[in-house]
C-alpha atoms as a PDB file:
ATOM      1  CA  MET A   1      76.966 103.201  33.724  1.00  0.00           C
ATOM      2  CA  THR A   2      76.572  99.464  33.483  1.00  0.00           C
ATOM      3  CA  HIS A   3      75.619  97.109  30.701  1.00  0.00           C
ATOM      4  CA  ASP A   4      72.063  95.746  30.737  1.00  0.00           C
ATOM      5  CA  LEU A   5      73.536  92.305  31.471  1.00  0.00           C
ATOM      6  CA  GLY A   6      75.460  93.640  34.447  1.00  0.00           C
ATOM      7  CA  HIS A   7      78.814  94.070  32.698  1.00  0.00           C
ATOM      8  CA  THR A   8      80.879  97.113  33.539  1.00  0.00           C
ATOM      9  CA  SER A   9      80.942  99.716  30.808  1.00  0.00           C
ATOM     10  CA  HIS A  10      84.672  99.419  30.215  1.00  0.00           C
ATOM     11  CA  PHE A  11      87.472  96.868  30.035  1.00  0.00           C
ATOM     12  CA  ASP A  12      90.532  98.068  31.977  1.00  0.00           C
ATOM     13  CA  ALA A  13      92.425  94.844  32.654  1.00  0.00           C
ATOM     14  CA  ALA A  14      92.167  91.095  32.624  1.00  0.00           C
ATOM     15  CA  SER A  15      93.347  88.309  34.935  1.00  0.00           C
ATOM     16  CA  LEU A  16      94.427  84.902  33.715  1.00  0.00           C
ATOM     17  CA  PHE A  17      92.898  81.865  35.430  1.00  0.00           C
ATOM     18  CA  THR A  18      93.418  78.136  35.176  1.00  0.00           C
ATOM     19  CA  LYS A  19      90.375  76.085  34.210  1.00  0.00           C
ATOM     20  CA  ASP A  20      89.919  74.830  37.810  1.00  0.00           C
ATOM     21  CA  LYS A  21      89.966  78.345  39.252  1.00  0.00           C
ATOM     22  CA  LEU A  22      87.628  79.542  36.537  1.00  0.00           C
ATOM     23  CA  LEU A  23      85.087  76.821  37.321  1.00  0.00           C
ATOM     24  CA  SER A  24      85.328  77.634  41.038  1.00  0.00           C
ATOM     25  CA  GLY A  25      84.642  81.275  40.265  1.00  0.00           C
ATOM     26  CA  ILE A  26      81.644  80.443  38.089  1.00  0.00           C
ATOM     27  CA  ALA A  27      80.272  78.236  40.868  1.00  0.00           C
ATOM     28  CA  ALA A  28      80.267  81.274  43.163  1.00  0.00           C
ATOM     29  CA  VAL A  29      78.080  83.300  40.784  1.00  0.00           C
ATOM     30  CA  PRO A  30      74.342  83.297  41.654  1.00  0.00           C
ATOM     31  CA  LEU A  31      72.309  81.166  39.246  1.00  0.00           C
ATOM     32  CA  ALA A  32      70.223  84.161  38.234  1.00  0.00           C
ATOM     33  CA  ALA A  33      73.354  85.906  36.952  1.00  0.00           C
ATOM     34  CA  VAL A  34      75.171  82.980  35.306  1.00  0.00           C
ATOM     35  CA  TYR A  35      73.777  83.893  31.867  1.00  0.00           C
ATOM     36  CA  SER A  36      75.691  87.212  32.013  1.00  0.00           C
ATOM     37  CA  ILE A  37      79.140  85.574  32.300  1.00  0.00           C
ATOM     38  CA  GLN A  38      81.560  86.154  29.432  1.00  0.00           C
ATOM     39  CA  ILE A  39      84.717  84.043  29.155  1.00  0.00           C
ATOM     40  CA  PHE A  40      87.693  84.788  26.912  1.00  0.00           C
ATOM     41  CA  ALA A  41      89.876  81.781  26.103  1.00  0.00           C
ATOM     42  CA  PHE A  42      93.599  82.587  26.161  1.00  0.00           C
ATOM     43  CA  PRO A  43      95.900  79.664  25.189  1.00  0.00           C
ATOM     44  CA  LYS A  44      98.476  78.993  27.891  1.00  0.00           C
ATOM     45  CA  GLU A  45     101.269  78.908  25.309  1.00  0.00           C
ATOM     46  CA  LEU A  46     100.854  82.659  24.872  1.00  0.00           C
ATOM     47  CA  HIS A  47     101.862  83.248  28.495  1.00  0.00           C
ATOM     48  CA  SER A  48     105.484  82.717  27.443  1.00  0.00           C
ATOM     49  CA  LEU A  49     105.326  85.870  25.335  1.00  0.00           C
ATOM     50  CA  ALA A  50     105.849  89.355  26.755  1.00  0.00           C
ATOM     51  CA  PRO A  51     103.045  90.567  29.079  1.00  0.00           C
ATOM     52  CA  SER A  52     102.891  93.762  27.013  1.00  0.00           C
ATOM     53  CA  GLN A  53     101.734  91.590  24.093  1.00  0.00           C
ATOM     54  CA  TYR A  54      98.746  90.018  25.932  1.00  0.00           C
ATOM     55  CA  LEU A  55      96.172  92.533  24.691  1.00  0.00           C
ATOM     56  CA  LYS A  56      97.538  92.339  21.154  1.00  0.00           C
ATOM     57  CA  ASN A  57      97.349  88.544  21.186  1.00  0.00           C
ATOM     58  CA  LEU A  58      93.824  88.630  22.621  1.00  0.00           C
ATOM     59  CA  VAL A  59      92.709  90.855  19.747  1.00  0.00           C
ATOM     60  CA  ALA A  60      94.491  88.597  17.240  1.00  0.00           C
ATOM     61  CA  LEU A  61      92.431  85.682  18.552  1.00  0.00           C
ATOM     62  CA  TYR A  62      89.074  87.487  18.564  1.00  0.00           C
ATOM     63  CA  PHE A  63      89.340  90.221  15.910  1.00  0.00           C
ATOM     64  CA  LYS A  64      86.664  88.549  13.746  1.00  0.00           C
ATOM     65  CA  ASP A  65      84.088  88.500  16.537  1.00  0.00           C
ATOM     66  CA  PRO A  66      82.117  91.795  16.487  1.00  0.00           C
ATOM     67  CA  GLU A  67      80.698  91.425  20.008  1.00  0.00           C
ATOM     68  CA  THR A  68      84.116  90.826  21.539  1.00  0.00           C
ATOM     69  CA  MET A  69      85.612  93.759  19.651  1.00  0.00           C
ATOM     70  CA  ARG A  70      82.820  96.072  20.804  1.00  0.00           C
ATOM     71  CA  TYR A  71      83.395  94.952  24.380  1.00  0.00           C
ATOM     72  CA  LEU A  72      87.143  95.535  24.206  1.00  0.00           C
ATOM     73  CA  LYS A  73      86.687  98.995  22.690  1.00  0.00           C
ATOM     74  CA  THR A  74      84.357 100.342  25.376  1.00  0.00           C
ATOM     75  CA  THR A  75      87.039 102.358  27.165  1.00  0.00           C
ATOM     76  CA  LYS A  76      89.323 105.051  25.812  1.00  0.00           C
ATOM     77  CA  ASN A  77      92.166 103.585  27.887  1.00  0.00           C
ATOM     78  CA  ILE A  78      92.577 100.657  25.500  1.00  0.00           C
ATOM     79  CA  GLY A  79      90.031 101.365  22.777  1.00  0.00           C
ATOM     80  CA  ASP A  80      92.561 102.968  20.430  1.00  0.00           C
ATOM     81  CA  GLN A  81      95.019 100.106  21.021  1.00  0.00           C
ATOM     82  CA  VAL A  82      92.356  97.494  20.290  1.00  0.00           C
ATOM     83  CA  THR A  83      91.373  99.274  17.064  1.00  0.00           C
ATOM     84  CA  ARG A  84      94.995  99.436  15.935  1.00  0.00           C
ATOM     85  CA  TYR A  85      95.597  95.761  16.743  1.00  0.00           C
ATOM     86  CA  GLN A  86      92.394  94.815  14.912  1.00  0.00           C
ATOM     87  CA  LEU A  87      93.515  96.701  11.809  1.00  0.00           C
ATOM     88  CA  GLU A  88      96.933  95.020  11.997  1.00  0.00           C
ATOM     89  CA  SER A  89      95.328  91.570  12.248  1.00  0.00           C
ATOM     90  CA  GLU A  90      92.985  92.271   9.331  1.00  0.00           C
ATOM     91  CA  LYS A  91      95.893  93.558   7.236  1.00  0.00           C
ATOM     92  CA  LEU A  92      97.993  90.459   7.961  1.00  0.00           C
ATOM     93  CA  GLU A  93      95.037  88.250   7.051  1.00  0.00           C
ATOM     94  CA  ARG A  94      94.536  90.047   3.727  1.00  0.00           C
ATOM     95  CA  GLU A  95      98.226  89.561   2.967  1.00  0.00           C
ATOM     96  CA  GLY A  96      97.987  85.893   3.850  1.00  0.00           C
ATOM     97  CA  LYS A  97     100.297  86.368   6.818  1.00  0.00           C
ATOM     98  CA  VAL A  98      99.158  84.817  10.083  1.00  0.00           C
ATOM     99  CA  PHE A  99     101.259  85.161  13.223  1.00  0.00           C
ATOM    100  CA  GLU A 100     102.020  81.693  14.570  1.00  0.00           C
ATOM    101  CA  PHE A 101     101.567  82.226  18.296  1.00  0.00           C
ATOM    102  CA  PHE A 102     103.133  78.930  19.311  1.00  0.00           C
ATOM    103  CA  LYS A 103     106.124  78.940  16.972  1.00  0.00           C
ATOM    104  CA  TYR A 104     108.385  80.772  19.397  1.00  0.00           C
ATOM    105  CA  THR A 105     107.592  78.873  22.593  1.00  0.00           C
ATOM    106  CA  SER A 106     109.755  75.835  21.868  1.00  0.00           C
ATOM    107  CA  ARG A 107     112.207  75.093  24.673  1.00  0.00           C
ATOM    108  CA  GLY A 108     114.660  73.808  22.093  1.00  0.00           C
ATOM    109  CA  LYS A 109     115.377  77.385  21.011  1.00  0.00           C
ATOM    110  CA  MET A 110     115.972  78.922  24.409  1.00  0.00           C
ATOM    111  CA  LYS A 111     119.760  78.718  24.377  1.00  0.00           C
ATOM    112  CA  GLU A 112     119.942  80.869  21.269  1.00  0.00           C
ATOM    113  CA  GLU A 113     118.525  83.883  23.028  1.00  0.00           C
ATOM    114  CA  ASN A 114     121.717  84.039  25.128  1.00  0.00           C
ATOM    115  CA  ASN A 115     123.254  85.888  22.190  1.00  0.00           C
ATOM    116  CA  LEU A 116     120.892  88.785  22.899  1.00  0.00           C
ATOM    117  CA  SER A 117     120.851  90.943  26.020  1.00  0.00           C
ATOM    118  CA  GLU A 118     117.729  91.228  28.151  1.00  0.00           C
ATOM    119  CA  VAL A 119     116.393  94.693  28.922  1.00  0.00           C
ATOM    120  CA  SER A 120     115.550  95.643  32.492  1.00  0.00           C
ATOM    121  CA  ASN A 121     111.841  96.239  33.146  1.00  0.00           C
ATOM    122  CA  LYS A 122     112.626  99.695  34.513  1.00  0.00           C
ATOM    123  CA  ASP A 123     113.706 100.776  31.035  1.00  0.00           C
ATOM    124  CA  TYR A 124     110.252 100.311  29.499  1.00  0.00           C
ATOM    125  CA  ASP A 125     107.581  99.619  32.161  1.00  0.00           C
ATOM    126  CA  PHE A 126     106.794 103.332  32.450  1.00  0.00           C
ATOM    127  CA  LEU A 127     106.167 103.727  28.710  1.00  0.00           C
ATOM    128  CA  PRO A 128     102.527 103.809  27.517  1.00  0.00           C
ATOM    129  CA  ASP A 129     101.505 100.829  25.373  1.00  0.00           C
ATOM    130  CA  PHE A 130     105.108  99.806  24.681  1.00  0.00           C
ATOM    131  CA  HIS A 131     105.683  97.329  21.825  1.00  0.00           C
ATOM    132  CA  PRO A 132     108.952  95.364  21.943  1.00  0.00           C
ATOM    133  CA  PHE A 133     110.452  94.137  18.710  1.00  0.00           C
ATOM    134  CA  LEU A 134     111.380  90.830  20.361  1.00  0.00           C
ATOM    135  CA  SER A 135     110.860  89.119  23.742  1.00  0.00           C
ATOM    136  CA  SER A 136     112.431  86.082  25.359  1.00  0.00           C
ATOM    137  CA  PRO A 137     110.247  82.940  25.127  1.00  0.00           C
ATOM    138  CA  ARG A 138     111.841  81.781  28.378  1.00  0.00           C
ATOM    139  CA  ASN A 139     111.032  84.599  30.796  1.00  0.00           C
ATOM    140  CA  GLN A 140     109.113  87.202  28.734  1.00  0.00           C
ATOM    141  CA  GLN A 141     111.889  89.789  29.104  1.00  0.00           C
ATOM    142  CA  VAL A 142     112.235  92.309  26.303  1.00  0.00           C
ATOM    143  CA  LEU A 143     115.384  91.665  24.265  1.00  0.00           C
ATOM    144  CA  SER A 144     117.865  94.247  23.033  1.00  0.00           C
ATOM    145  CA  ILE A 145     118.215  94.045  19.239  1.00  0.00           C
ATOM    146  CA  PRO A 146     121.681  94.868  17.833  1.00  0.00           C
ATOM    147  CA  VAL A 147     121.595  96.722  14.520  1.00  0.00           C
ATOM    148  CA  THR A 148     124.149  98.386  12.266  1.00  0.00           C
ATOM    149  CA  TYR A 149     123.634 101.846  10.813  1.00  0.00           C
ATOM    150  CA  PHE A 150     125.349 102.742   7.547  1.00  0.00           C
ATOM    151  CA  ASP A 151     125.591 106.397   6.533  1.00  0.00           C
ATOM    152  CA  ASP A 152     125.590 106.265   2.741  1.00  0.00           C
ATOM    153  CA  LYS A 153     126.813 109.869   2.484  1.00  0.00           C
ATOM    154  CA  THR A 154     129.872 109.635   4.741  1.00  0.00           C
ATOM    155  CA  GLY A 155     130.493 105.901   4.511  1.00  0.00           C
ATOM    156  CA  GLN A 156     130.500 105.672   8.312  1.00  0.00           C
ATOM    157  CA  THR A 157     128.950 102.779  10.220  1.00  0.00           C
ATOM    158  CA  ALA A 158     127.738 102.703  13.803  1.00  0.00           C
ATOM    159  CA  LYS A 159     126.361 100.045  16.121  1.00  0.00           C
ATOM    160  CA  ILE A 160     123.197 100.693  18.110  1.00  0.00           C
ATOM    161  CA  ASP A 161     120.573  98.650  19.956  1.00  0.00           C
ATOM    162  CA  ILE A 162     116.841  99.028  19.447  1.00  0.00           C
ATOM    163  CA  MET A 163     114.169  97.814  21.851  1.00  0.00           C
ATOM    164  CA  GLY A 164     110.729  98.709  20.515  1.00  0.00           C
ATOM    165  CA  TRP A 165     108.299 101.555  19.945  1.00  0.00           C
ATOM    166  CA  TYR A 166     105.362 103.388  21.506  1.00  0.00           C
ATOM    167  CA  ILE A 167     103.048 106.317  20.849  1.00  0.00           C
ATOM    168  CA  LYS A 168     102.691 109.186  23.293  1.00  0.00           C
ATOM    169  CA  TYR A 169     100.625 112.306  22.597  1.00  0.00           C
ATOM    170  CA  GLN A 170     100.190 111.006  19.024  1.00  0.00           C
ATOM    171  CA  GLN A 171     103.980 110.984  18.559  1.00  0.00           C
ATOM    172  CA  LEU A 172     105.574 107.735  17.381  1.00  0.00           C
ATOM    173  CA  LYS A 173     108.855 107.086  19.190  1.00  0.00           C
ATOM    174  CA  ILE A 174     111.522 104.411  18.985  1.00  0.00           C
ATOM    175  CA  ARG A 175     113.460 103.183  22.020  1.00  0.00           C
ATOM    176  CA  TRP A 176     117.196 102.799  21.322  1.00  0.00           C
ATOM    177  CA  LYS A 177     120.712 103.314  22.669  1.00  0.00           C
ATOM    178  CA  PRO A 178     124.171 103.877  21.148  1.00  0.00           C
ATOM    179  CA  LYS A 179     127.083 101.513  21.720  1.00  0.00           C
ATOM    180  CA  TYR A 180     130.052 103.863  21.696  1.00  0.00           C
ATOM    181  CA  MET A 181     129.589 104.837  25.372  1.00  0.00           C
ATOM    182  CA  ARG A 182     130.703 102.683  28.280  1.00  0.00           C
ATOM    183  CA  LYS A 183     127.632 103.636  30.298  1.00  0.00           C
ATOM    184  CA  ARG A 184     124.912 103.494  27.708  1.00  0.00           C
ATOM    185  CA  ARG A 185     121.345 104.409  28.558  1.00  0.00           C
ATOM    186  CA  TRP A 186     118.137 103.820  26.666  1.00  0.00           C
ATOM    187  CA  ARG A 187     116.557 106.882  25.153  1.00  0.00           C
ATOM    188  CA  SER A 188     113.421 107.671  23.139  1.00  0.00           C
ATOM    189  CA  SER A 189     113.503 109.515  19.826  1.00  0.00           C
ATOM    190  CA  ARG A 190     110.610 110.772  17.765  1.00  0.00           C
ATOM    191  CA  ILE A 191     110.215 109.442  14.232  1.00  0.00           C
ATOM    192  CA  SER A 192     110.325 112.240  11.633  1.00  0.00           C
ATOM    193  CA  VAL A 193     110.225 112.536   7.853  1.00  0.00           C
ATOM    194  CA  ASP A 194     112.662 114.492   5.680  1.00  0.00           C
ATOM    195  CA  ILE A 195     110.480 116.625   3.413  1.00  0.00           C
ATOM    196  CA  VAL A 196     113.148 116.680   0.676  1.00  0.00           C
ATOM    197  CA  THR A 197     113.892 112.952   0.318  1.00  0.00           C
ATOM    198  CA  ASN A 198     110.715 111.660   1.991  1.00  0.00           C
ATOM    199  CA  ASN A 199     112.879 109.314   4.095  1.00  0.00           C
ATOM    200  CA  TYR A 200     112.040 108.450   7.704  1.00  0.00           C
ATOM    201  CA  PHE A 201     114.554 108.986  10.498  1.00  0.00           C
ATOM    202  CA  PHE A 202     115.132 109.694  14.165  1.00  0.00           C
ATOM    203  CA  GLN A 203     117.781 112.028  15.559  1.00  0.00           C
ATOM    204  CA  GLY A 204     120.412 111.010  18.080  1.00  0.00           C
ATOM    205  CA  GLN A 205     124.047 111.068  19.140  1.00  0.00           C
ATOM    206  CA  ILE A 206     125.018 107.973  17.235  1.00  0.00           C
ATOM    207  CA  TYR A 207     128.694 108.984  17.078  1.00  0.00           C
ATOM    208  CA  ARG A 208     130.919 109.992  19.976  1.00  0.00           C
ATOM    209  CA  ASP A 209     131.348 113.557  18.785  1.00  0.00           C
ATOM    210  CA  SER A 210     128.119 114.376  16.986  1.00  0.00           C
ATOM    211  CA  SER A 211     124.391 113.931  16.640  1.00  0.00           C
ATOM    212  CA  ALA A 212     122.977 112.845  13.311  1.00  0.00           C
ATOM    213  CA  PRO A 213     119.766 111.714  11.623  1.00  0.00           C
ATOM    214  CA  ILE A 214     119.430 107.916  11.708  1.00  0.00           C
ATOM    215  CA  PHE A 215     117.480 106.792   8.645  1.00  0.00           C
ATOM    216  CA  LEU A 216     115.333 103.700   9.079  1.00  0.00           C
ATOM    217  CA  ASP A 217     116.194 102.451   5.587  1.00  0.00           C
ATOM    218  CA  ASN A 218     119.881 102.323   6.543  1.00  0.00           C
ATOM    219  CA  LEU A 219     119.450 100.051   9.575  1.00  0.00           C
ATOM    220  CA  SER A 220     120.228  96.339   9.285  1.00  0.00           C
ATOM    221  CA  PHE A 221     119.884  93.551  11.848  1.00  0.00           C
ATOM    222  CA  ASP A 222     123.099  92.152  13.309  1.00  0.00           C
ATOM    223  CA  SER A 223     124.235  88.653  12.325  1.00  0.00           C
ATOM    224  CA  LYS A 224     124.331  87.582  15.999  1.00  0.00           C
ATOM    225  CA  ILE A 225     120.515  87.500  16.116  1.00  0.00           C
ATOM    226  CA  PRO A 226     119.434  83.819  16.186  1.00  0.00           C
ATOM    227  CA  LYS A 227     117.975  82.787  12.844  1.00  0.00           C
ATOM    228  CA  SER A 228     114.970  81.206  14.553  1.00  0.00           C
ATOM    229  CA  PHE A 229     114.034  84.650  15.948  1.00  0.00           C
ATOM    230  CA  LEU A 230     114.333  86.518  12.656  1.00  0.00           C
ATOM    231  CA  PRO A 231     110.869  85.769  11.167  1.00  0.00           C
ATOM    232  CA  HIS A 232     109.048  87.161  14.203  1.00  0.00           C
ATOM    233  CA  LEU A 233     111.484  90.074  14.572  1.00  0.00           C
ATOM    234  CA  GLN A 234     111.135  91.042  10.922  1.00  0.00           C
ATOM    235  CA  LYS A 235     107.360  90.805  11.144  1.00  0.00           C
ATOM    236  CA  GLN A 236     107.226  93.076  14.197  1.00  0.00           C
ATOM    237  CA  TYR A 237     109.621  95.537  12.583  1.00  0.00           C
ATOM    238  CA  GLN A 238     107.481  95.582   9.445  1.00  0.00           C
ATOM    239  CA  ILE A 239     104.433  96.394  11.578  1.00  0.00           C
ATOM    240  CA  PHE A 240     106.432  99.306  13.003  1.00  0.00           C
ATOM    241  CA  LEU A 241     107.320 100.539   9.491  1.00  0.00           C
ATOM    242  CA  SER A 242     103.676 100.236   8.426  1.00  0.00           C
ATOM    243  CA  LEU A 243     102.703 102.359  11.401  1.00  0.00           C
ATOM    244  CA  VAL A 244     105.288 104.963  10.348  1.00  0.00           C
ATOM    245  CA  GLU A 245     103.574 105.115   6.957  1.00  0.00           C
ATOM    246  CA  GLU A 246     100.183 105.422   8.625  1.00  0.00           C
ATOM    247  CA  GLN A 247     101.429 108.252  10.860  1.00  0.00           C
ATOM    248  CA  LYS A 248     102.645 110.055   7.767  1.00  0.00           C
ATOM    249  CA  ARG A 249      99.273 109.584   6.057  1.00  0.00           C
ATOM    250  CA  LEU A 250      97.544 111.083   9.091  1.00  0.00           C
ATOM    251  CA  ALA A 251     100.023 114.002   9.122  1.00  0.00           C
ATOM    252  CA  LEU A 252     101.251 113.060  12.599  1.00  0.00           C
ATOM    253  CA  LEU A 253     104.945 112.767  11.741  1.00  0.00           C
ATOM    254  CA  ARG A 254     107.200 115.754  12.334  1.00  0.00           C
ATOM    255  CA  LYS A 255     108.382 117.176   8.997  1.00  0.00           C
ATOM    256  CA  VAL A 256     112.002 118.293   8.837  1.00  0.00           C
ATOM    257  CA  GLN A 257     114.083 119.735   6.011  1.00  0.00           C
ATOM    258  CA  LEU A 258     117.533 118.224   6.403  1.00  0.00           C
ATOM    259  CA  ASN A 259     120.684 119.471   4.752  1.00  0.00           C
ATOM    260  CA  ASN A 260     121.039 116.794   2.078  1.00  0.00           C
ATOM    261  CA  LYS A 261     123.873 118.400   0.183  1.00  0.00           C
ATOM    262  CA  ASP A 262     126.861 116.151  -0.539  1.00  0.00           C
END
């Protein structure tokens, strides 16, 4: 099916053009069809953010325009993503929080990211609709976020890295890896809820000799994270936590009864 103006009935992908190339392309369109052209403006400063964030940023720019939102939602491939991003943008607006797209593109802050390790594309490119917690403003690479886990029952602490999150088959998963191994690999763990304490966690071999539940409330960001990155990181992590709450509301989280005895 096609739109009555000649548009395709879905929006699978987008290419980014400079103004000169865009004008050249428009010049090649027959005059009778020029009225059907639709152009989305995408500020060049956003190109320095992770490519996986392009659709999210596009929605953040146009979420108040009904026609654009209808157009972006016309395919099931991205329709659910667009709806989720639109809800996130509306929620941030209601809370008076607006993501400053250009705040993290300053070249003066690039050296600070050297404190954080970049993640190879092969560790996340295959994941559907992957959302990194933080990306390098310099080369758009996803950054590995060091966090500390404190077990308030045993008093043990452990260091892990987290990368981001994604949803597959309606299951919310976090991408992470432990630090106790020499050859560490990234793994995905499903977010669950303990039906006794109502706390959220994911399961994994966080210690050398055992697997354990890793509660989200007991994770804290490492002090080596550049302070200039923290506002954006905390905002993205809060979006993740809000999604956890939403998954619980929709009864999509796995419910587990843990042994909470002291």
